[in-house]
Amino acid sequence: MNFNLNNSEPSRPASASLADLPQGQTAEVSALHLPRNTSEHLMWLGFVPGAKVTVGQSGPGGDPRVYTVSGSSFALRRETAQQILIVSSTGVQA
């Protein structure tokens, strides 16, 4: 499991991100590439490596989007979701 908690300036990861997942699909969180305070906050909400996340509806223009994790729904902006890496349920990069 990779936690990039010391990154003060997030950059777009090369792998598939939560923002790339289509509506209605589910994937597993593999890593968070966000500033420490943001990563810690999201982890308290349930966005931890190994957690299953399902994509819900989005706001006008596609941003923000609703994501369901651990039975709760949260709206995340695309720029945040792009920094949350995912793997498909089979363990292969989504």
PDB file of N, CA and C in Angstrom:
ATOM      1  N   MET A   1       0.838  -1.177   0.000  1.00  0.00           N
ATOM      2  CA  MET A   1       0.000   0.000   0.000  1.00  0.00           C
ATOM      3  C   MET A   1       0.881   1.237   0.000  1.00  0.00           C
ATOM      4  N   ASN A   2       0.497   2.180  -0.802  1.00  0.00           N
ATOM      5  CA  ASN A   2       1.287   3.390  -0.953  1.00  0.00           C
ATOM      6  C   ASN A   2       0.497   4.594  -0.468  1.00  0.00           C
ATOM      7  N   PHE A   3       1.056   5.308   0.507  1.00  0.00           N
ATOM      8  CA  PHE A   3       0.486   6.566   0.966  1.00  0.00           C
ATOM      9  C   PHE A   3       1.499   7.645   0.659  1.00  0.00           C
ATOM     10  N   ASN A   4       1.194   8.533  -0.242  1.00  0.00           N
ATOM     11  CA  ASN A   4       2.089   9.622  -0.553  1.00  0.00           C
ATOM     12  C   ASN A   4       1.604  10.839   0.224  1.00  0.00           C
ATOM     13  N   LEU A   5       1.854  10.829   1.542  1.00  0.00           N
ATOM     14  CA  LEU A   5       1.317  11.870   2.409  1.00  0.00           C
ATOM     15  C   LEU A   5       2.204  13.105   2.511  1.00  0.00           C
ATOM     16  N   ASN A   6       3.420  13.044   2.025  1.00  0.00           N
ATOM     17  CA  ASN A   6       4.332  14.174   2.150  1.00  0.00           C
ATOM     18  C   ASN A   6       4.360  15.056   0.916  1.00  0.00           C
ATOM     19  N   ASN A   7       3.545  14.767  -0.043  1.00  0.00           N
ATOM     20  CA  ASN A   7       3.517  15.517  -1.290  1.00  0.00           C
ATOM     21  C   ASN A   7       2.706  16.792  -1.107  1.00  0.00           C
ATOM     22  N   SER A   8       3.363  17.933  -1.108  1.00  0.00           N
ATOM     23  CA  SER A   8       2.650  19.197  -0.904  1.00  0.00           C
ATOM     24  C   SER A   8       1.985  19.695  -2.183  1.00  0.00           C
ATOM     25  N   GLU A   9       2.519  19.337  -3.331  1.00  0.00           N
ATOM     26  CA  GLU A   9       1.943  19.720  -4.614  1.00  0.00           C
ATOM     27  C   GLU A   9       1.574  18.461  -5.370  1.00  0.00           C
ATOM     28  N   PRO A  10       0.285  18.106  -5.436  1.00  0.00           N
ATOM     29  CA  PRO A  10      -0.086  16.873  -6.135  1.00  0.00           C
ATOM     30  C   PRO A  10       0.163  16.969  -7.627  1.00  0.00           C
ATOM     31  N   SER A  11       0.596  15.861  -8.200  1.00  0.00           N
ATOM     32  CA  SER A  11       0.750  15.773  -9.647  1.00  0.00           C
ATOM     33  C   SER A  11      -0.066  14.595 -10.123  1.00  0.00           C
ATOM     34  N   ARG A  12      -0.450  14.605 -11.363  1.00  0.00           N
ATOM     35  CA  ARG A  12      -1.301  13.547 -11.911  1.00  0.00           C
ATOM     36  C   ARG A  12      -0.550  12.222 -11.937  1.00  0.00           C
ATOM     37  N   PRO A  13      -1.043  11.196 -11.243  1.00  0.00           N
ATOM     38  CA  PRO A  13      -0.404   9.891 -11.301  1.00  0.00           C
ATOM     39  C   PRO A  13      -0.548   9.261 -12.684  1.00  0.00           C
ATOM     40  N   ALA A  14       0.377   8.353 -13.018  1.00  0.00           N
ATOM     41  CA  ALA A  14       0.357   7.698 -14.326  1.00  0.00           C
ATOM     42  C   ALA A  14      -0.712   6.611 -14.404  1.00  0.00           C
ATOM     43  N   SER A  15      -1.132   6.044 -13.269  1.00  0.00           N
ATOM     44  CA  SER A  15      -2.095   4.949 -13.238  1.00  0.00           C
ATOM     45  C   SER A  15      -3.522   5.471 -13.353  1.00  0.00           C
ATOM     46  N   ALA A  16      -4.469   4.525 -13.431  1.00  0.00           N
ATOM     47  CA  ALA A  16      -5.887   4.885 -13.486  1.00  0.00           C
ATOM     48  C   ALA A  16      -6.291   5.537 -12.169  1.00  0.00           C
ATOM     49  N   SER A  17      -7.144   6.525 -12.261  1.00  0.00           N
ATOM     50  CA  SER A  17      -7.579   7.239 -11.069  1.00  0.00           C
ATOM     51  C   SER A  17      -9.079   7.076 -10.884  1.00  0.00           C
ATOM     52  N   LEU A  18      -9.542   7.448  -9.717  1.00  0.00           N
ATOM     53  CA  LEU A  18     -10.962   7.393  -9.404  1.00  0.00           C
ATOM     54  C   LEU A  18     -11.761   8.252 -10.388  1.00  0.00           C
ATOM     55  N   ALA A  19     -11.191   9.337 -10.858  1.00  0.00           N
ATOM     56  CA  ALA A  19     -11.860  10.218 -11.811  1.00  0.00           C
ATOM     57  C   ALA A  19     -12.093   9.531 -13.162  1.00  0.00           C
ATOM     58  N   ASP A  20     -11.299   8.503 -13.483  1.00  0.00           N
ATOM     59  CA  ASP A  20     -11.423   7.784 -14.757  1.00  0.00           C
ATOM     60  C   ASP A  20     -12.515   6.721 -14.746  1.00  0.00           C
ATOM     61  N   LEU A  21     -13.020   6.377 -13.582  1.00  0.00           N
ATOM     62  CA  LEU A  21     -14.001   5.305 -13.440  1.00  0.00           C
ATOM     63  C   LEU A  21     -15.375   5.778 -13.910  1.00  0.00           C
ATOM     64  N   PRO A  22     -16.057   5.019 -14.779  1.00  0.00           N
ATOM     65  CA  PRO A  22     -17.380   5.413 -15.266  1.00  0.00           C
ATOM     66  C   PRO A  22     -18.452   5.305 -14.178  1.00  0.00           C
ATOM     67  N   GLN A  23     -19.515   6.065 -14.346  1.00  0.00           N
ATOM     68  CA  GLN A  23     -20.628   6.039 -13.404  1.00  0.00           C
ATOM     69  C   GLN A  23     -21.169   4.621 -13.258  1.00  0.00           C
ATOM     70  N   GLY A  24     -21.443   4.215 -12.015  1.00  0.00           N
ATOM     71  CA  GLY A  24     -21.986   2.898 -11.734  1.00  0.00           C
ATOM     72  C   GLY A  24     -20.945   1.815 -11.530  1.00  0.00           C
ATOM     73  N   GLN A  25     -19.690   2.094 -11.851  1.00  0.00           N
ATOM     74  CA  GLN A  25     -18.621   1.107 -11.705  1.00  0.00           C
ATOM     75  C   GLN A  25     -18.003   1.161 -10.309  1.00  0.00           C
ATOM     76  N   THR A  26     -17.417   0.039  -9.902  1.00  0.00           N
ATOM     77  CA  THR A  26     -16.768  -0.066  -8.602  1.00  0.00           C
ATOM     78  C   THR A  26     -15.318  -0.477  -8.794  1.00  0.00           C
ATOM     79  N   ALA A  27     -14.437   0.082  -7.990  1.00  0.00           N
ATOM     80  CA  ALA A  27     -13.018  -0.281  -8.018  1.00  0.00           C
ATOM     81  C   ALA A  27     -12.477  -0.197  -6.597  1.00  0.00           C
ATOM     82  N   GLU A  28     -11.258  -0.650  -6.449  1.00  0.00           N
ATOM     83  CA  GLU A  28     -10.590  -0.646  -5.151  1.00  0.00           C
ATOM     84  C   GLU A  28      -9.543   0.455  -5.109  1.00  0.00           C
ATOM     85  N   VAL A  29      -9.508   1.213  -4.030  1.00  0.00           N
ATOM     86  CA  VAL A  29      -8.502   2.257  -3.850  1.00  0.00           C
ATOM     87  C   VAL A  29      -7.152   1.578  -3.658  1.00  0.00           C
ATOM     88  N   SER A  30      -6.123   2.057  -4.371  1.00  0.00           N
ATOM     89  CA  SER A  30      -4.785   1.502  -4.194  1.00  0.00           C
ATOM     90  C   SER A  30      -3.819   2.501  -3.563  1.00  0.00           C
ATOM     91  N   ALA A  31      -4.012   3.813  -3.781  1.00  0.00           N
ATOM     92  CA  ALA A  31      -3.102   4.807  -3.219  1.00  0.00           C
ATOM     93  C   ALA A  31      -3.732   6.193  -3.267  1.00  0.00           C
ATOM     94  N   LEU A  32      -3.260   7.063  -2.382  1.00  0.00           N
ATOM     95  CA  LEU A  32      -3.673   8.469  -2.364  1.00  0.00           C
ATOM     96  C   LEU A  32      -2.443   9.321  -2.616  1.00  0.00           C
ATOM     97  N   HIS A  33      -2.485  10.171  -3.625  1.00  0.00           N
ATOM     98  CA  HIS A  33      -1.372  11.070  -3.951  1.00  0.00           C
ATOM     99  C   HIS A  33      -1.847  12.501  -3.752  1.00  0.00           C
ATOM    100  N   LEU A  34      -2.023  12.856  -2.491  1.00  0.00           N
ATOM    101  CA  LEU A  34      -2.570  14.159  -2.122  1.00  0.00           C
ATOM    102  C   LEU A  34      -1.760  14.735  -0.974  1.00  0.00           C
ATOM    103  N   PRO A  35      -1.915  16.036  -0.722  1.00  0.00           N
ATOM    104  CA  PRO A  35      -1.258  16.610   0.455  1.00  0.00           C
ATOM    105  C   PRO A  35      -1.698  15.874   1.721  1.00  0.00           C
ATOM    106  N   ARG A  36      -0.842  15.844   2.704  1.00  0.00           N
ATOM    107  CA  ARG A  36      -1.068  15.081   3.931  1.00  0.00           C
ATOM    108  C   ARG A  36      -2.428  15.351   4.577  1.00  0.00           C
ATOM    109  N   ASN A  37      -2.796  16.611   4.743  1.00  0.00           N
ATOM    110  CA  ASN A  37      -4.068  16.920   5.421  1.00  0.00           C
ATOM    111  C   ASN A  37      -5.266  16.412   4.627  1.00  0.00           C
ATOM    112  N   THR A  38      -5.215  16.498   3.316  1.00  0.00           N
ATOM    113  CA  THR A  38      -6.308  16.011   2.481  1.00  0.00           C
ATOM    114  C   THR A  38      -6.372  14.486   2.526  1.00  0.00           C
ATOM    115  N   SER A  39      -5.213  13.831   2.422  1.00  0.00           N
ATOM    116  CA  SER A  39      -5.175  12.366   2.490  1.00  0.00           C
ATOM    117  C   SER A  39      -5.725  11.867   3.813  1.00  0.00           C
ATOM    118  N   GLU A  40      -5.316  12.471   4.909  1.00  0.00           N
ATOM    119  CA  GLU A  40      -5.791  12.044   6.225  1.00  0.00           C
ATOM    120  C   GLU A  40      -7.305  12.216   6.345  1.00  0.00           C
ATOM    121  N   HIS A  41      -7.814  13.331   5.850  1.00  0.00           N
ATOM    122  CA  HIS A  41      -9.256  13.581   5.903  1.00  0.00           C
ATOM    123  C   HIS A  41     -10.015  12.522   5.108  1.00  0.00           C
ATOM    124  N   LEU A  42      -9.561  12.238   3.896  1.00  0.00           N
ATOM    125  CA  LEU A  42     -10.226  11.233   3.061  1.00  0.00           C
ATOM    126  C   LEU A  42     -10.124   9.842   3.672  1.00  0.00           C
ATOM    127  N   MET A  43      -9.009   9.539   4.311  1.00  0.00           N
ATOM    128  CA  MET A  43      -8.877   8.232   4.951  1.00  0.00           C
ATOM    129  C   MET A  43      -9.854   8.098   6.119  1.00  0.00           C
ATOM    130  N   TRP A  44     -10.073   9.164   6.870  1.00  0.00           N
ATOM    131  CA  TRP A  44     -11.068   9.129   7.951  1.00  0.00           C
ATOM    132  C   TRP A  44     -12.461   8.873   7.390  1.00  0.00           C
ATOM    133  N   LEU A  45     -12.714   9.321   6.167  1.00  0.00           N
ATOM    134  CA  LEU A  45     -14.015   9.114   5.525  1.00  0.00           C
ATOM    135  C   LEU A  45     -14.151   7.714   4.927  1.00  0.00           C
ATOM    136  N   GLY A  46     -13.047   6.985   4.815  1.00  0.00           N
ATOM    137  CA  GLY A  46     -13.113   5.622   4.287  1.00  0.00           C
ATOM    138  C   GLY A  46     -12.325   5.379   3.017  1.00  0.00           C
ATOM    139  N   PHE A  47     -11.715   6.411   2.440  1.00  0.00           N
ATOM    140  CA  PHE A  47     -10.932   6.259   1.214  1.00  0.00           C
ATOM    141  C   PHE A  47      -9.534   5.757   1.578  1.00  0.00           C
ATOM    142  N   VAL A  48      -9.455   4.482   1.927  1.00  0.00           N
ATOM    143  CA  VAL A  48      -8.187   3.863   2.306  1.00  0.00           C
ATOM    144  C   VAL A  48      -7.863   2.771   1.293  1.00  0.00           C
ATOM    145  N   PRO A  49      -6.580   2.457   1.098  1.00  0.00           N
ATOM    146  CA  PRO A  49      -6.225   1.370   0.197  1.00  0.00           C
ATOM    147  C   PRO A  49      -6.959   0.087   0.582  1.00  0.00           C
ATOM    148  N   GLY A  50      -7.557  -0.534  -0.421  1.00  0.00           N
ATOM    149  CA  GLY A  50      -8.337  -1.746  -0.219  1.00  0.00           C
ATOM    150  C   GLY A  50      -9.834  -1.497  -0.152  1.00  0.00           C
ATOM    151  N   ALA A  51     -10.245  -0.246   0.052  1.00  0.00           N
ATOM    152  CA  ALA A  51     -11.671   0.077   0.129  1.00  0.00           C
ATOM    153  C   ALA A  51     -12.305   0.045  -1.255  1.00  0.00           C
ATOM    154  N   LYS A  52     -13.521  -0.464  -1.327  1.00  0.00           N
ATOM    155  CA  LYS A  52     -14.283  -0.488  -2.580  1.00  0.00           C
ATOM    156  C   LYS A  52     -15.040   0.832  -2.709  1.00  0.00           C
ATOM    157  N   VAL A  53     -14.915   1.469  -3.863  1.00  0.00           N
ATOM    158  CA  VAL A  53     -15.564   2.752  -4.129  1.00  0.00           C
ATOM    159  C   VAL A  53     -16.420   2.614  -5.378  1.00  0.00           C
ATOM    160  N   THR A  54     -17.660   3.100  -5.297  1.00  0.00           N
ATOM    161  CA  THR A  54     -18.585   3.085  -6.427  1.00  0.00           C
ATOM    162  C   THR A  54     -18.865   4.521  -6.860  1.00  0.00           C
ATOM    163  N   VAL A  55     -18.870   4.725  -8.171  1.00  0.00           N
ATOM    164  CA  VAL A  55     -19.117   6.051  -8.724  1.00  0.00           C
ATOM    165  C   VAL A  55     -20.614   6.275  -8.887  1.00  0.00           C
ATOM    166  N   GLY A  56     -21.085   7.406  -8.386  1.00  0.00           N
ATOM    167  CA  GLY A  56     -22.486   7.784  -8.521  1.00  0.00           C
ATOM    168  C   GLY A  56     -22.647   8.896  -9.541  1.00  0.00           C
ATOM    169  N   GLN A  57     -23.681   9.665  -9.357  1.00  0.00           N
ATOM    170  CA  GLN A  57     -23.988  10.753 -10.296  1.00  0.00           C
ATOM    171  C   GLN A  57     -23.029  11.922 -10.093  1.00  0.00           C
ATOM    172  N   SER A  58     -23.063  12.833 -11.061  1.00  0.00           N
ATOM    173  CA  SER A  58     -22.205  14.015 -10.988  1.00  0.00           C
ATOM    174  C   SER A  58     -23.037  15.275 -11.115  1.00  0.00           C
ATOM    175  N   GLY A  59     -22.408  16.370 -10.737  1.00  0.00           N
ATOM    176  CA  GLY A  59     -23.054  17.667 -10.862  1.00  0.00           C
ATOM    177  C   GLY A  59     -23.047  18.128 -12.307  1.00  0.00           C
ATOM    178  N   PRO A  60     -23.583  19.314 -12.558  1.00  0.00           N
ATOM    179  CA  PRO A  60     -23.586  19.868 -13.916  1.00  0.00           C
ATOM    180  C   PRO A  60     -22.162  19.941 -14.472  1.00  0.00           C
ATOM    181  N   GLY A  61     -21.989  19.472 -15.662  1.00  0.00           N
ATOM    182  CA  GLY A  61     -20.669  19.493 -16.282  1.00  0.00           C
ATOM    183  C   GLY A  61     -19.763  18.381 -15.789  1.00  0.00           C
ATOM    184  N   GLY A  62     -20.285  17.489 -14.950  1.00  0.00           N
ATOM    185  CA  GLY A  62     -19.501  16.361 -14.485  1.00  0.00           C
ATOM    186  C   GLY A  62     -18.686  16.590 -13.226  1.00  0.00           C
ATOM    187  N   ASP A  63     -18.801  17.762 -12.604  1.00  0.00           N
ATOM    188  CA  ASP A  63     -17.990  18.048 -11.427  1.00  0.00           C
ATOM    189  C   ASP A  63     -18.802  18.822 -10.407  1.00  0.00           C
ATOM    190  N   PRO A  64     -18.861  18.409  -9.159  1.00  0.00           N
ATOM    191  CA  PRO A  64     -18.226  17.240  -8.558  1.00  0.00           C
ATOM    192  C   PRO A  64     -19.005  15.971  -8.851  1.00  0.00           C
ATOM    193  N   ARG A  65     -18.417  14.826  -8.480  1.00  0.00           N
ATOM    194  CA  ARG A  65     -19.057  13.520  -8.612  1.00  0.00           C
ATOM    195  C   ARG A  65     -19.273  12.927  -7.231  1.00  0.00           C
ATOM    196  N   VAL A  66     -20.275  12.076  -7.144  1.00  0.00           N
ATOM    197  CA  VAL A  66     -20.573  11.392  -5.888  1.00  0.00           C
ATOM    198  C   VAL A  66     -19.899  10.025  -5.911  1.00  0.00           C
ATOM    199  N   TYR A  67     -19.201   9.707  -4.834  1.00  0.00           N
ATOM    200  CA  TYR A  67     -18.543   8.411  -4.669  1.00  0.00           C
ATOM    201  C   TYR A  67     -19.060   7.786  -3.380  1.00  0.00           C
ATOM    202  N   THR A  68     -19.364   6.484  -3.427  1.00  0.00           N
ATOM    203  CA  THR A  68     -19.837   5.769  -2.245  1.00  0.00           C
ATOM    204  C   THR A  68     -18.746   4.832  -1.765  1.00  0.00           C
ATOM    205  N   VAL A  69     -18.393   4.970  -0.496  1.00  0.00           N
ATOM    206  CA  VAL A  69     -17.391   4.127   0.140  1.00  0.00           C
ATOM    207  C   VAL A  69     -17.867   3.824   1.553  1.00  0.00           C
ATOM    208  N   SER A  70     -17.769   2.579   1.955  1.00  0.00           N
ATOM    209  CA  SER A  70     -18.165   2.143   3.308  1.00  0.00           C
ATOM    210  C   SER A  70     -19.596   2.548   3.658  1.00  0.00           C
ATOM    211  N   GLY A  71     -20.494   2.510   2.678  1.00  0.00           N
ATOM    212  CA  GLY A  71     -21.899   2.803   2.919  1.00  0.00           C
ATOM    213  C   GLY A  71     -22.262   4.273   2.983  1.00  0.00           C
ATOM    214  N   SER A  72     -21.289   5.162   2.814  1.00  0.00           N
ATOM    215  CA  SER A  72     -21.550   6.604   2.834  1.00  0.00           C
ATOM    216  C   SER A  72     -21.193   7.213   1.492  1.00  0.00           C
ATOM    217  N   SER A  73     -21.887   8.279   1.123  1.00  0.00           N
ATOM    218  CA  SER A  73     -21.641   8.953  -0.159  1.00  0.00           C
ATOM    219  C   SER A  73     -21.001  10.306   0.073  1.00  0.00           C
ATOM    220  N   PHE A  74     -20.025  10.625  -0.781  1.00  0.00           N
ATOM    221  CA  PHE A  74     -19.284  11.875  -0.687  1.00  0.00           C
ATOM    222  C   PHE A  74     -19.108  12.469  -2.076  1.00  0.00           C
ATOM    223  N   ALA A  75     -19.149  13.787  -2.167  1.00  0.00           N
ATOM    224  CA  ALA A  75     -18.886  14.471  -3.433  1.00  0.00           C
ATOM    225  C   ALA A  75     -17.427  14.919  -3.439  1.00  0.00           C
ATOM    226  N   LEU A  76     -16.720  14.557  -4.513  1.00  0.00           N
ATOM    227  CA  LEU A  76     -15.326  14.969  -4.673  1.00  0.00           C
ATOM    228  C   LEU A  76     -15.162  15.699  -5.990  1.00  0.00           C
ATOM    229  N   ARG A  77     -14.356  16.729  -5.981  1.00  0.00           N
ATOM    230  CA  ARG A  77     -13.999  17.425  -7.217  1.00  0.00           C
ATOM    231  C   ARG A  77     -13.090  16.532  -8.054  1.00  0.00           C
ATOM    232  N   ARG A  78     -13.123  16.728  -9.357  1.00  0.00           N
ATOM    233  CA  ARG A  78     -12.311  15.931 -10.277  1.00  0.00           C
ATOM    234  C   ARG A  78     -10.824  16.022  -9.929  1.00  0.00           C
ATOM    235  N   GLU A  79     -10.342  17.199  -9.593  1.00  0.00           N
ATOM    236  CA  GLU A  79      -8.912  17.365  -9.300  1.00  0.00           C
ATOM    237  C   GLU A  79      -8.485  16.515  -8.096  1.00  0.00           C
ATOM    238  N   THR A  80      -9.380  16.285  -7.155  1.00  0.00           N
ATOM    239  CA  THR A  80      -9.087  15.415  -6.013  1.00  0.00           C
ATOM    240  C   THR A  80      -9.175  13.952  -6.426  1.00  0.00           C
ATOM    241  N   ALA A  81     -10.231  13.583  -7.129  1.00  0.00           N
ATOM    242  CA  ALA A  81     -10.426  12.194  -7.559  1.00  0.00           C
ATOM    243  C   ALA A  81      -9.299  11.724  -8.478  1.00  0.00           C
ATOM    244  N   GLN A  82      -8.687  12.632  -9.227  1.00  0.00           N
ATOM    245  CA  GLN A  82      -7.575  12.266 -10.108  1.00  0.00           C
ATOM    246  C   GLN A  82      -6.355  11.803  -9.329  1.00  0.00           C
ATOM    247  N   GLN A  83      -6.266  12.170  -8.076  1.00  0.00           N
ATOM    248  CA  GLN A  83      -5.106  11.824  -7.256  1.00  0.00           C
ATOM    249  C   GLN A  83      -5.328  10.570  -6.401  1.00  0.00           C
ATOM    250  N   ILE A  84      -6.489   9.916  -6.580  1.00  0.00           N
ATOM    251  CA  ILE A  84      -6.783   8.672  -5.882  1.00  0.00           C
ATOM    252  C   ILE A  84      -6.667   7.537  -6.892  1.00  0.00           C
ATOM    253  N   LEU A  85      -5.620   6.711  -6.747  1.00  0.00           N
ATOM    254  CA  LEU A  85      -5.385   5.624  -7.686  1.00  0.00           C
ATOM    255  C   LEU A  85      -6.280   4.446  -7.360  1.00  0.00           C
ATOM    256  N   ILE A  86      -6.664   3.707  -8.406  1.00  0.00           N
ATOM    257  CA  ILE A  86      -7.567   2.567  -8.245  1.00  0.00           C
ATOM    258  C   ILE A  86      -7.038   1.345  -8.970  1.00  0.00           C
ATOM    259  N   VAL A  87      -7.538   0.187  -8.555  1.00  0.00           N
ATOM    260  CA  VAL A  87      -7.342  -1.072  -9.276  1.00  0.00           C
ATOM    261  C   VAL A  87      -8.711  -1.689  -9.414  1.00  0.00           C
ATOM    262  N   SER A  88      -8.900  -2.466 -10.464  1.00  0.00           N
ATOM    263  CA  SER A  88     -10.183  -3.147 -10.649  1.00  0.00           C
ATOM    264  C   SER A  88     -10.337  -4.214  -9.577  1.00  0.00           C
ATOM    265  N   SER A  89     -11.520  -4.779  -9.478  1.00  0.00           N
ATOM    266  CA  SER A  89     -11.775  -5.793  -8.448  1.00  0.00           C
ATOM    267  C   SER A  89     -10.951  -7.062  -8.656  1.00  0.00           C
ATOM    268  N   THR A  90     -10.376  -7.249  -9.844  1.00  0.00           N
ATOM    269  CA  THR A  90      -9.548  -8.422 -10.107  1.00  0.00           C
ATOM    270  C   THR A  90      -8.087  -8.186  -9.759  1.00  0.00           C
ATOM    271  N   GLY A  91      -7.746  -6.962  -9.327  1.00  0.00           N
ATOM    272  CA  GLY A  91      -6.371  -6.657  -8.941  1.00  0.00           C
ATOM    273  C   GLY A  91      -5.526  -6.116 -10.057  1.00  0.00           C
ATOM    274  N   VAL A  92      -6.080  -5.962 -11.250  1.00  0.00           N
ATOM    275  CA  VAL A  92      -5.362  -5.412 -12.386  1.00  0.00           C
ATOM    276  C   VAL A  92      -5.642  -3.925 -12.447  1.00  0.00           C
ATOM    277  N   GLN A  93      -4.639  -3.114 -12.826  1.00  0.00           N
ATOM    278  CA  GLN A  93      -4.850  -1.677 -12.910  1.00  0.00           C
ATOM    279  C   GLN A  93      -6.061  -1.378 -13.781  1.00  0.00           C
ATOM    280  N   ALA A  94      -6.968  -0.562 -13.266  1.00  0.00           N
ATOM    281  CA  ALA A  94      -8.188  -0.201 -13.994  1.00  0.00           C
ATOM    282  C   ALA A  94      -7.873   0.777 -15.099  1.00  0.00           C
TER     283      ALA A  94
END
